[in-house]
Amino acid sequence: MKKMTAFAALILAVSAQAAISNVAFKPSGVPAFVGEGEFSIGALTLKSDKTASIDKVQISIKGTHAKDLTTLRLGKTKGTITGDTVTFDVPVNEGDCYYTVFAEVPKTADLTRKLMIEGVPVRLGSIVTRPNQKIVDANRTSKNFRIPGIVETNTGALVAVFDNRFNHAGDLPADITVGVSISKDKGVTWSPIRTAMDYKNLPGGHGIGDPTILFDPVTKRLWIAALRAPKSGHPIWTSVKGSISPDDCGQFILSYSDDDGATWSAPINITKDVKRLGDPDTAEWGLLFQGPGAGIAMKDGTLVFPAQIWGNRGGAPHHGVLVYSKNHGKTWTSSKAMPWGGSESTVAQLPDGSLLLNTREGGGPATRITARTTDLGQTWEKVETEALRQPGNLCQAAYLMLNNKLYFSNPNSGGRNTMTLRVSEDGGKTWPRSLVYDPRNCAGYSSTCPVDGNSIGIIYEGTSDYHYFVRIPESDLN
């Protein structure tokens, strides 16, 4: 048996017919999802000097022990797990032989670990939503899912929200409700999807969605903000200034949960409070709505939803804005508009107590706008930062402040692909380190939360049907 000197030195038990050399495993960058074996995690190349009907190939999995792996496959060939190796009986032709590698890990896997194939790390993840999944309390099946948000509660539960898009993947107005799924094992498994917010029995048009979720650590209460479509049609293009009527203006709706997302309150309409009719600041506002994604609780207890303003019937410039409560949700109001434009927004509190708001658009076709406020958006200061790229067709993104470091998740490319987590240690001015957690084409929206104080949990749109979850230890970006 030849000694391997290629990218990964695989342990081979070779039959007499052929000698195999130049063996390499190349990861695809796609996580191995717990309980799933249909996503390609990489490719294996074997080079043989002869044709062999069958050869035995043994692959080392020492990094993640055999008990943490259910199945490894080369194409359709399933391996046999013994100790820390997986053995395959595969046909080998003369020259290069190529095999796609699939992995399935058990539903109890630790998402902070990695599947190590001959020393090459493959990240683990889980699936939160999938195509045509049943909404259990509605006794309906949703064809599509989009627009994720996620938080960690004081009990360690992860609560994810998203659009249940029943008939198609398109935006409001449509048959859309806000779904919720809960993980009590750090994101490894997820509960059946239930309805957190429904548009039925609410005045207005068709659908409620684009959720943003936040957790209040003082009251232990979860809040969701969602957009209710107006009766007149599309919330952005038909909402008018000087009105809070659900007939011609999108509605800012809240709901809360005091049991880690198991049940939710009746809808609370705060459109009047946040649109502030009669105030000169809001004279040109047609529509105000949340994030989407996740809000924050500030150090002083103030609850903050990142939000966005669109002008009269969508015809005026749009801007980032804050929606906040200083009394744990008893009353809500809005800030002044961030003056440099932008739409979908994400917010973080810096160690000095100021808020950093980052918005889609506003900075030209390739970059985003960042602004800082020390007074809840009464005044804004534009922040010059290293460019945070966005796709040419634009996309939502997500901030997270954890252990005095600022993290940023988005598709860091010219298209909706290459889902990337970046880190800044100077308040978002520079972003020296990053990792790609999924390189595939996707719908691109994501939301982040802390997990156990030392990991970043990310829920993201793989496609308009799937939501995936990965848990990335902070040390992975050092």
Protein backbone atom coordinates (compact mmCIF):
# COMPACT_ATOMS: atom_id res chain seq x y z
CA MET A 1 0.00 0.00 0.00
CA LYS A 2 1.41 3.36 -0.98
CA LYS A 3 1.89 6.09 1.55
CA MET A 4 -0.40 9.02 0.75
CA THR A 5 1.18 12.44 0.36
CA ALA A 6 -1.81 14.36 -1.06
CA PHE A 7 -4.15 16.89 0.61
CA ALA A 8 -5.45 14.30 3.08
CA ALA A 9 -3.49 11.11 3.70
CA LEU A 10 -6.28 8.54 3.58
CA ILE A 11 -5.77 5.05 5.00
CA LEU A 12 -6.37 2.61 2.15
CA ALA A 13 -6.70 -1.12 2.07
CA VAL A 14 -6.12 -1.74 -1.62
CA SER A 15 -6.93 -4.91 -3.51
CA ALA A 16 -4.31 -6.58 -5.62
CA GLN A 17 -5.74 -5.29 -8.90
CA ALA A 18 -4.81 -1.62 -8.46
CA ALA A 19 -2.63 0.81 -6.59
CA ILE A 20 -4.34 3.99 -5.48
CA SER A 21 -2.49 7.25 -4.96
CA ASN A 22 -3.09 11.01 -4.96
CA VAL A 23 -6.17 10.78 -2.81
CA ALA A 24 -7.80 14.05 -1.78
CA PHE A 25 -10.93 15.17 0.09
CA LYS A 26 -12.16 18.63 -0.83
CA PRO A 27 -14.96 20.06 1.35
CA SER A 28 -17.80 21.93 -0.35
CA GLY A 29 -18.29 24.31 2.58
CA VAL A 30 -21.86 23.07 3.09
CA PRO A 31 -22.63 22.00 6.67
CA ALA A 32 -23.52 18.42 7.46
CA PHE A 33 -27.04 18.81 8.83
CA VAL A 34 -28.10 16.65 11.76
CA GLY A 35 -30.37 13.81 10.77
CA GLU A 36 -30.00 14.62 7.06
CA GLY A 37 -27.83 12.94 4.45
CA GLU A 38 -28.82 14.63 1.20
CA PHE A 39 -26.48 17.63 1.23
CA SER A 40 -23.07 17.27 -0.40
CA ILE A 41 -20.33 18.07 2.08
CA GLY A 42 -17.46 17.56 -0.36
CA ALA A 43 -15.78 15.46 -3.01
CA LEU A 44 -13.27 12.62 -2.89
CA THR A 45 -10.76 12.03 -5.69
CA LEU A 46 -8.89 8.73 -6.06
CA LYS A 47 -6.16 8.14 -8.64
CA SER A 48 -5.57 4.55 -9.72
CA ASP A 49 -2.97 3.00 -12.01
CA LYS A 50 -5.37 0.20 -13.03
CA THR A 51 -9.04 -0.64 -13.30
CA ALA A 52 -10.41 -2.53 -10.33
CA SER A 53 -13.94 -3.87 -10.05
CA ILE A 54 -14.01 -3.14 -6.31
CA ASP A 55 -11.50 -1.63 -3.94
CA LYS A 56 -11.74 -0.96 -0.24
CA VAL A 57 -11.17 2.63 0.83
CA GLN A 58 -10.91 3.57 4.51
CA ILE A 59 -11.43 7.19 5.54
CA SER A 60 -10.34 8.49 8.92
CA ILE A 61 -12.93 10.39 10.98
CA LYS A 62 -10.82 10.86 14.10
CA GLY A 63 -11.91 14.43 14.76
CA THR A 64 -15.56 13.55 15.21
CA HIS A 65 -15.77 10.08 16.67
CA ALA A 66 -17.69 7.30 15.02
CA LYS A 67 -20.46 7.52 17.59
CA ASP A 68 -21.12 11.07 16.32
CA LEU A 69 -21.60 9.92 12.75
CA THR A 70 -24.62 7.98 11.51
CA THR A 71 -23.67 7.54 7.85
CA LEU A 72 -20.96 8.57 5.42
CA ARG A 73 -21.57 7.94 1.71
CA LEU A 74 -19.52 8.21 -1.46
CA GLY A 75 -22.22 8.79 -4.04
CA LYS A 76 -24.72 6.01 -3.41
CA THR A 77 -22.19 3.79 -1.62
CA LYS A 78 -22.69 3.67 2.13
CA GLY A 79 -19.66 3.20 4.34
CA THR A 80 -19.22 0.80 7.24
CA ILE A 81 -18.15 2.51 10.45
CA THR A 82 -15.57 0.76 12.62
CA GLY A 83 -13.80 2.71 15.30
CA ASP A 84 -12.63 5.98 13.81
CA THR A 85 -12.68 4.87 10.19
CA VAL A 86 -15.32 4.44 7.52
CA THR A 87 -14.72 1.70 4.95
CA PHE A 88 -16.18 1.79 1.43
CA ASP A 89 -16.33 -0.82 -1.30
CA VAL A 90 -16.13 1.32 -4.43
CA PRO A 91 -15.43 0.70 -8.13
CA VAL A 92 -12.08 2.14 -9.19
CA ASN A 93 -11.19 2.97 -12.78
CA GLU A 94 -7.77 3.79 -14.14
CA GLY A 95 -6.93 7.47 -13.70
CA ASP A 96 -8.92 9.88 -11.58
CA CYS A 97 -12.10 8.63 -9.90
CA TYR A 98 -14.47 11.20 -8.44
CA TYR A 99 -17.03 10.66 -5.69
CA THR A 100 -19.47 13.05 -4.04
CA VAL A 101 -19.40 12.77 -0.24
CA PHE A 102 -22.54 12.91 1.91
CA ALA A 103 -22.73 12.72 5.69
CA GLU A 104 -25.53 12.16 8.15
CA VAL A 105 -24.99 12.89 11.83
CA PRO A 106 -27.37 11.95 14.65
CA LYS A 107 -29.91 14.40 16.02
CA THR A 108 -27.95 14.55 19.27
CA ALA A 109 -24.79 15.95 17.69
CA ASP A 110 -23.03 18.94 19.26
CA LEU A 111 -23.18 21.77 16.72
CA THR A 112 -20.02 23.38 18.11
CA ARG A 113 -18.00 20.38 16.95
CA LYS A 114 -16.98 19.64 13.40
CA LEU A 115 -17.02 16.48 11.33
CA MET A 116 -13.32 15.84 10.64
CA ILE A 117 -12.67 13.85 7.49
CA GLU A 118 -8.95 13.15 7.48
CA GLY A 119 -8.32 16.36 9.36
CA VAL A 120 -10.52 18.50 7.11
CA PRO A 121 -13.30 20.20 9.14
CA VAL A 122 -16.93 20.11 8.03
CA ARG A 123 -19.30 22.32 10.04
CA LEU A 124 -22.48 20.85 11.55
CA GLY A 125 -25.91 22.46 11.30
CA SER A 126 -29.61 21.74 11.67
CA ILE A 127 -32.76 22.37 9.65
CA VAL A 128 -35.48 24.58 11.12
CA THR A 129 -37.93 24.66 8.19
CA ARG A 130 -38.20 22.61 5.03
CA PRO A 131 -40.48 22.62 1.97
CA ASN A 132 -44.15 21.80 2.49
CA GLN A 133 -43.95 21.60 6.27
CA LYS A 134 -47.09 21.34 8.37
CA ILE A 135 -48.16 24.18 10.66
CA VAL A 136 -49.52 22.08 13.46
CA ASP A 137 -52.02 24.43 15.12
CA ALA A 138 -53.41 25.58 11.76
CA ASN A 139 -53.65 22.06 10.32
CA ARG A 140 -52.19 23.48 7.09
CA THR A 141 -49.03 22.95 5.11
CA SER A 142 -46.86 25.91 4.14
CA LYS A 143 -45.09 25.60 0.81
CA ASN A 144 -42.46 28.22 1.59
CA PHE A 145 -40.70 29.91 4.50
CA ARG A 146 -38.79 33.19 4.55
CA ILE A 147 -37.55 36.13 6.70
CA PRO A 148 -35.98 34.59 9.86
CA GLY A 149 -35.45 36.10 13.31
CA ILE A 150 -33.96 34.44 16.38
CA VAL A 151 -33.23 35.11 20.07
CA GLU A 152 -31.96 33.21 23.10
CA THR A 153 -34.07 33.45 26.27
CA ASN A 154 -32.94 33.33 29.90
CA THR A 155 -33.67 29.58 30.00
CA GLY A 156 -31.32 28.93 27.10
CA ALA A 157 -34.18 28.26 24.67
CA LEU A 158 -33.68 29.45 21.10
CA VAL A 159 -36.87 30.91 19.62
CA ALA A 160 -37.00 31.36 15.86
CA VAL A 161 -39.70 33.20 13.91
CA PHE A 162 -40.27 33.47 10.16
CA ASP A 163 -42.91 33.86 7.49
CA ASN A 164 -45.18 30.89 6.77
CA ARG A 165 -45.81 31.58 3.08
CA PHE A 166 -48.62 29.21 2.25
CA ASN A 167 -49.24 29.60 -1.47
CA HIS A 168 -45.96 30.89 -2.93
CA ALA A 169 -42.64 32.46 -1.95
CA GLY A 170 -43.71 36.03 -2.75
CA ASP A 171 -43.95 38.94 -0.33
CA LEU A 172 -46.97 40.65 1.22
CA PRO A 173 -49.79 40.97 0.43
CA ALA A 174 -50.29 37.21 0.42
CA ASP A 175 -51.49 34.33 2.57
CA ILE A 176 -48.68 34.75 5.12
CA THR A 177 -48.61 34.22 8.90
CA VAL A 178 -45.75 34.41 11.39
CA GLY A 179 -44.49 30.97 12.39
CA VAL A 180 -42.44 30.01 15.43
CA SER A 181 -40.16 27.06 16.20
CA ILE A 182 -38.28 26.48 19.45
CA SER A 183 -35.08 24.62 20.27
CA LYS A 184 -34.28 23.55 23.82
CA ASP A 185 -31.00 21.81 22.96
CA LYS A 186 -28.95 24.72 21.57
CA GLY A 187 -30.29 24.40 18.03
CA VAL A 188 -29.78 20.70 17.41
CA THR A 189 -33.50 19.91 17.13
CA TRP A 190 -36.51 22.18 16.57
CA SER A 191 -40.14 21.95 17.62
CA PRO A 192 -43.00 21.61 15.14
CA ILE A 193 -43.98 24.95 13.64
CA ARG A 194 -46.86 26.80 15.27
CA THR A 195 -48.50 30.13 14.51
CA ALA A 196 -47.29 33.12 16.51
CA MET A 197 -49.28 35.79 14.60
CA ASP A 198 -52.20 35.47 12.18
CA TYR A 199 -53.89 38.17 10.11
CA LYS A 200 -57.34 36.68 10.49
CA ASN A 201 -59.75 38.90 12.44
CA LEU A 202 -57.39 41.87 12.01
CA PRO A 203 -58.53 44.85 9.92
CA GLY A 204 -56.60 45.32 6.72
CA GLY A 205 -55.68 43.20 3.75
CA HIS A 206 -54.03 39.88 3.12
CA GLY A 207 -51.18 38.63 5.32
CA ILE A 208 -48.90 39.53 8.20
CA GLY A 209 -45.14 38.95 8.14
CA ASP A 210 -41.52 40.16 7.99
CA PRO A 211 -41.15 39.45 11.73
CA THR A 212 -38.61 40.84 14.17
CA ILE A 213 -38.19 39.21 17.58
CA LEU A 214 -36.60 40.45 20.80
CA PHE A 215 -36.25 39.17 24.37
CA ASP A 216 -36.61 41.34 27.47
CA PRO A 217 -34.28 39.88 30.15
CA VAL A 218 -35.98 41.89 32.91
CA THR A 219 -39.57 40.71 32.40
CA LYS A 220 -38.53 37.44 30.65
CA ARG A 221 -40.99 38.40 27.90
CA LEU A 222 -40.59 37.73 24.18
CA TRP A 223 -41.87 40.31 21.69
CA ILE A 224 -42.59 39.97 18.00
CA ALA A 225 -43.17 42.89 15.66
CA ALA A 226 -44.77 42.19 12.28
CA LEU A 227 -46.16 44.08 9.29
CA ARG A 228 -49.88 43.81 8.49
CA ALA A 229 -50.70 44.45 4.86
CA PRO A 230 -53.24 47.26 4.24
CA LYS A 231 -56.55 46.63 2.57
CA SER A 232 -55.39 48.63 -0.47
CA GLY A 233 -52.65 46.15 -1.42
CA HIS A 234 -48.85 46.17 -1.16
CA PRO A 235 -47.80 47.80 2.13
CA ILE A 236 -44.85 49.75 0.69
CA TRP A 237 -46.38 50.91 -2.57
CA THR A 238 -49.83 51.81 -1.28
CA SER A 239 -49.29 53.17 2.26
CA VAL A 240 -49.99 56.91 2.45
CA LYS A 241 -48.72 59.72 4.65
CA GLY A 242 -51.09 61.29 7.15
CA SER A 243 -52.98 58.06 7.75
CA ILE A 244 -52.91 55.18 10.19
CA SER A 245 -55.97 53.49 8.73
CA PRO A 246 -55.59 49.79 7.85
CA ASP A 247 -57.44 50.61 4.65
CA ASP A 248 -54.49 52.49 3.18
CA CYS A 249 -51.52 52.08 5.53
CA GLY A 250 -49.47 49.07 6.61
CA GLN A 251 -49.91 48.29 10.31
CA PHE A 252 -47.20 47.82 12.95
CA ILE A 253 -48.43 44.86 15.04
CA LEU A 254 -46.95 43.35 18.21
CA SER A 255 -47.48 40.13 20.12
CA TYR A 256 -45.76 38.80 23.24
CA SER A 257 -45.06 35.49 24.95
CA ASP A 258 -44.31 34.77 28.60
CA ASP A 259 -43.57 31.07 28.16
CA ASP A 260 -40.56 30.92 25.81
CA GLY A 261 -42.71 31.15 22.70
CA ALA A 262 -45.16 28.35 23.42
CA THR A 263 -48.18 30.70 23.37
CA TRP A 264 -48.64 34.27 22.16
CA SER A 265 -50.85 37.20 23.12
CA ALA A 266 -53.57 38.72 21.02
CA PRO A 267 -52.19 41.22 18.46
CA ILE A 268 -51.42 44.76 19.68
CA ASN A 269 -51.56 47.54 17.07
CA ILE A 270 -49.05 50.35 17.76
CA THR A 271 -49.23 52.05 14.34
CA LYS A 272 -50.60 55.24 15.89
CA ASP A 273 -47.80 55.37 18.46
CA VAL A 274 -44.91 54.88 16.05
CA LYS A 275 -46.17 56.81 13.02
CA ARG A 276 -46.80 59.88 15.21
CA LEU A 277 -49.23 61.77 12.98
CA GLY A 278 -48.99 65.55 13.28
CA ASP A 279 -45.30 65.55 14.20
CA PRO A 280 -43.18 67.48 11.64
CA ASP A 281 -40.59 64.69 11.84
CA THR A 282 -43.03 62.21 10.32
CA ALA A 283 -44.83 64.37 7.76
CA GLU A 284 -43.49 62.39 4.79
CA TRP A 285 -43.75 58.94 6.31
CA GLY A 286 -46.04 56.58 4.47
CA LEU A 287 -45.09 53.29 6.14
CA LEU A 288 -43.05 52.34 9.19
CA PHE A 289 -42.28 48.73 9.94
CA GLN A 290 -39.77 46.52 11.71
CA GLY A 291 -36.33 45.09 10.82
CA PRO A 292 -36.79 42.27 9.92
CA GLY A 293 -34.64 39.96 12.09
CA ALA A 294 -33.99 40.62 15.78
CA GLY A 295 -34.24 43.53 18.17
CA ILE A 296 -32.30 44.15 21.36
CA ALA A 297 -32.71 45.04 25.02
CA MET A 298 -30.31 47.84 25.96
CA LYS A 299 -28.25 47.83 29.15
CA ASP A 300 -30.67 50.32 30.73
CA GLY A 301 -33.68 48.11 29.89
CA THR A 302 -34.90 50.00 26.82
CA LEU A 303 -36.34 47.65 24.19
CA VAL A 304 -35.38 48.49 20.60
CA PHE A 305 -36.66 47.21 17.28
CA PRO A 306 -34.60 48.21 14.24
CA ALA A 307 -37.08 49.54 11.69
CA GLN A 308 -37.52 51.27 8.35
CA ILE A 309 -39.56 54.13 6.91
CA TRP A 310 -40.94 54.30 3.38
CA GLY A 311 -42.35 57.49 1.94
CA ASN A 312 -45.82 58.26 0.68
CA ARG A 313 -46.96 55.33 -1.50
CA GLY A 314 -43.32 54.25 -1.76
CA GLY A 315 -42.51 57.34 -3.78
CA ALA A 316 -40.22 59.14 -1.32
CA PRO A 317 -36.77 58.13 -0.06
CA HIS A 318 -36.65 55.44 2.61
CA HIS A 319 -34.67 55.55 5.84
CA GLY A 320 -33.63 53.55 8.87
CA VAL A 321 -35.36 54.32 12.18
CA LEU A 322 -35.73 52.93 15.72
CA VAL A 323 -38.90 51.79 17.45
CA TYR A 324 -38.44 51.59 21.21
CA SER A 325 -40.02 51.26 24.64
CA LYS A 326 -38.57 52.62 27.88
CA ASN A 327 -41.09 50.82 30.08
CA HIS A 328 -40.78 47.17 28.98
CA GLY A 329 -43.46 47.34 26.31
CA LYS A 330 -46.21 49.30 28.04
CA THR A 331 -45.81 52.11 25.50
CA TRP A 332 -43.84 52.44 22.27
CA THR A 333 -42.60 55.30 20.11
CA SER A 334 -40.20 55.94 17.23
CA SER A 335 -37.02 57.92 16.70
CA LYS A 336 -36.22 60.46 14.04
CA ALA A 337 -35.22 59.05 10.68
CA MET A 338 -31.60 58.22 10.01
CA PRO A 339 -31.02 60.85 7.29
CA TRP A 340 -28.80 58.92 4.87
CA GLY A 341 -31.37 56.54 3.48
CA GLY A 342 -31.65 52.80 3.76
CA SER A 343 -34.37 50.21 4.28
CA GLU A 344 -34.15 46.88 6.14
CA SER A 345 -32.10 47.55 9.27
CA THR A 346 -30.21 45.83 12.07
CA VAL A 347 -29.12 47.30 15.41
CA ALA A 348 -26.50 46.65 18.11
CA GLN A 349 -25.48 48.44 21.30
CA LEU A 350 -21.78 49.25 21.53
CA PRO A 351 -19.83 48.96 24.80
CA ASP A 352 -20.05 52.75 25.28
CA GLY A 353 -23.85 52.51 25.33
CA SER A 354 -24.48 54.05 21.90
CA LEU A 355 -26.54 52.29 19.23
CA LEU A 356 -25.23 51.33 15.82
CA LEU A 357 -27.81 51.02 13.04
CA ASN A 358 -26.91 49.41 9.72
CA THR A 359 -29.28 49.51 6.75
CA ARG A 360 -29.71 47.87 3.42
CA GLU A 361 -29.19 50.41 0.61
CA GLY A 362 -28.35 54.05 1.14
CA GLY A 363 -24.66 53.55 0.40
CA GLY A 364 -24.72 52.89 -3.31
CA PRO A 365 -25.08 49.61 -5.19
CA ALA A 366 -22.31 47.74 -3.35
CA THR A 367 -22.34 48.97 0.22
CA ARG A 368 -24.61 49.64 3.17
CA ILE A 369 -25.10 52.64 5.48
CA THR A 370 -23.99 52.67 9.14
CA ALA A 371 -24.96 55.36 11.66
CA ARG A 372 -24.53 55.85 15.40
CA THR A 373 -26.82 57.47 17.96
CA THR A 374 -26.34 58.25 21.64
CA ASP A 375 -29.90 59.51 22.23
CA LEU A 376 -32.21 56.86 20.78
CA GLY A 377 -32.22 58.38 17.33
CA GLN A 378 -32.92 62.02 18.15
CA THR A 379 -29.59 62.73 16.46
CA TRP A 380 -27.50 60.57 14.16
CA GLU A 381 -23.82 60.44 13.25
CA LYS A 382 -22.75 58.74 10.04
CA VAL A 383 -20.04 56.14 10.65
CA GLU A 384 -17.34 55.65 8.04
CA THR A 385 -16.46 51.97 8.04
CA GLU A 386 -14.78 49.40 5.93
CA ALA A 387 -17.38 48.55 3.32
CA LEU A 388 -19.95 45.95 4.29
CA ARG A 389 -20.82 44.47 0.93
CA GLN A 390 -24.30 43.56 -0.17
CA PRO A 391 -25.46 41.68 -3.26
CA GLY A 392 -26.23 43.62 -6.42
CA ASN A 393 -29.92 42.90 -5.86
CA LEU A 394 -29.61 43.98 -2.21
CA CYS A 395 -30.31 41.95 0.91
CA GLN A 396 -31.03 42.09 4.62
CA ALA A 397 -28.19 41.52 7.11
CA ALA A 398 -27.74 40.98 10.87
CA TYR A 399 -25.66 42.48 13.69
CA LEU A 400 -24.81 40.83 17.00
CA MET A 401 -22.80 42.30 19.89
CA LEU A 402 -21.20 39.55 21.97
CA ASN A 403 -18.39 39.88 24.50
CA ASN A 404 -17.54 43.38 23.26
CA LYS A 405 -17.14 42.18 19.68
CA LEU A 406 -19.51 43.08 16.86
CA TYR A 407 -20.55 40.34 14.44
CA PHE A 408 -22.17 40.79 11.05
CA SER A 409 -23.89 38.15 8.91
CA ASN A 410 -24.83 38.53 5.24
CA PRO A 411 -24.21 37.13 1.75
CA ASN A 412 -20.78 38.70 1.28
CA SER A 413 -20.64 38.60 -2.52
CA GLY A 414 -22.06 40.08 -5.68
CA GLY A 415 -25.11 37.83 -5.41
CA ARG A 416 -27.21 36.01 -2.87
CA ASN A 417 -24.66 33.38 -1.92
CA THR A 418 -21.52 33.02 0.20
CA MET A 419 -23.19 33.42 3.61
CA THR A 420 -20.47 34.98 5.75
CA LEU A 421 -19.92 35.89 9.40
CA ARG A 422 -17.53 38.79 10.04
CA VAL A 423 -16.14 40.24 13.28
CA SER A 424 -15.12 43.75 14.33
CA GLU A 425 -13.32 44.76 17.52
CA ASP A 426 -13.52 48.53 16.95
CA GLY A 427 -17.25 49.20 16.83
CA GLY A 428 -17.75 48.24 13.20
CA LYS A 429 -15.04 50.43 11.66
CA THR A 430 -12.97 47.51 10.39
CA TRP A 431 -13.79 43.85 9.81
CA PRO A 432 -10.46 41.99 9.75
CA ARG A 433 -11.69 38.39 10.05
CA SER A 434 -14.51 36.38 8.53
CA LEU A 435 -15.64 32.87 7.73
CA VAL A 436 -18.01 31.52 5.09
CA TYR A 437 -20.57 29.28 6.76
CA ASP A 438 -22.47 28.33 3.59
CA PRO A 439 -21.26 29.14 0.05
CA ARG A 440 -24.38 28.08 -1.85
CA ASN A 441 -26.93 30.19 -3.69
CA CYS A 442 -29.67 31.17 -1.27
CA ALA A 443 -32.39 33.68 -0.43
CA GLY A 444 -29.83 35.41 1.78
CA TYR A 445 -31.63 36.71 4.89
CA SER A 446 -30.20 35.78 8.31
CA SER A 447 -30.55 36.49 12.00
CA THR A 448 -28.07 36.03 14.84
CA CYS A 449 -28.20 35.40 18.58
CA PRO A 450 -25.80 34.44 21.36
CA VAL A 451 -25.75 30.82 22.49
CA ASP A 452 -24.38 30.11 25.97
CA GLY A 453 -22.40 33.35 25.95
CA ASN A 454 -19.57 32.13 23.72
CA SER A 455 -21.11 31.09 20.40
CA ILE A 456 -23.01 32.82 17.63
CA GLY A 457 -26.22 31.11 16.54
CA ILE A 458 -27.30 31.91 12.98
CA ILE A 459 -30.58 31.08 11.29
CA TYR A 460 -30.47 31.76 7.56
CA GLU A 461 -32.35 31.23 4.34
CA GLY A 462 -30.82 28.48 2.26
CA THR A 463 -33.64 28.82 -0.23
CA SER A 464 -37.14 30.25 0.06
CA ASP A 465 -38.19 26.87 1.48
CA TYR A 466 -35.41 26.01 3.94
CA HIS A 467 -34.15 27.74 7.04
CA TYR A 468 -30.85 26.39 8.33
CA PHE A 469 -29.18 26.89 11.70
CA VAL A 470 -25.47 26.83 12.53
CA ARG A 471 -23.69 27.53 15.80
CA ILE A 472 -20.27 29.11 15.45
CA PRO A 473 -17.92 29.35 18.48
CA GLU A 474 -16.29 32.77 18.82
CA SER A 475 -12.92 31.04 18.70
CA ASP A 476 -13.56 30.09 15.07
CA LEU A 477 -13.08 33.74 14.07
CA ASN A 478 -9.89 34.27 16.06
